[in-house]
Amino acid sequence: MRFASLGSGSEGNALVVEAGATRLLVDCGMAADETERRLARLDLTPDDLAGILVTHEHGDHADGVVPFARRHRLRVWMTHGTARAIGAERLADLTLFDSHAAFAIGDLEVHPFPVPHDACEPVQFVLGDGVARLGVLTDIGEPTRHVQAMLSGCDGLVLECNYDSALLAAGPYPPQLKSRIAGPLGHLANDAACALLAAIDRSRLKHLIAAHLSQINNRPELARGALCEALGCAPEWIGVAEQETGFDWRSLR
């Protein structure tokens, strides 16, 4: 089992997860042409994908879902609330799922879980192949105990580190937007990501990727420094998902 990112941040998010013969795109927040170009960097084409899993309807995660799926006749999975928000009637091949119910897509086991975020029915995922497990948590205001339980024991974790609290407070955003980002339905700060790590079982963790970094309110070195201090590891052990380049394949074996 392995995973790679096409890009992560407010300008577009997409993650590829592969197990056996199955490859899924988790979110598609980029234009169809750009998604194709970035897949090619990983030596993939749209025909290599089994479909698209969608976390929620915000544009940086979902703007490319409908055009990309329609162009390449891909199946799409999302919650009922996300489907209503996106206007999923435009999709020819749509599967709706319950945010608490696990299901299988080919060789991948998909375990969705609900998260506090200002969307209609947002979820994040744990994906596995029966041996290894990857946790994906890229948009959340405050982690719940259920979120902690779902992410415990993962072999890999793509973890939101959206903002540094001091940079957000001193930055150019208007007060209302700052409150939204730092609120219980907003995004995860570096220190909050560290607190979540402290609360989960990390005994199997082989890869930790800081994701969804704000280009205004965070810096890769701040996110990486906070996480490596929390884990007591070297900074280079922590990966960072970049907006333009994402990150290359990481194996969970």
Foldseek 3Di string as FASTA:
>chain_A
DKKFWLFFAPQATWIWDDDDQAIEIEFTLDAQVSVQVSCVVQVDGPVSHQAYEYFAQDNRGHVHRLVNCVVSVHAYEEAPQRCVVNVVVSRPHYDHDDQQDWDDDVQKIWGWHFAQAPGRTGIWTWIDRVPAIEGEDAWHQADDVVNQVRPAPHQEYAYEAAAALVQLVPFDDDPVVSCQQNDRRHGAHLLRRLVSVVSHHCPNYQAYEHGHYHPRGDDLVVSLVSNCVSVVHDSVRYHYQHRNHGGHMDDSD
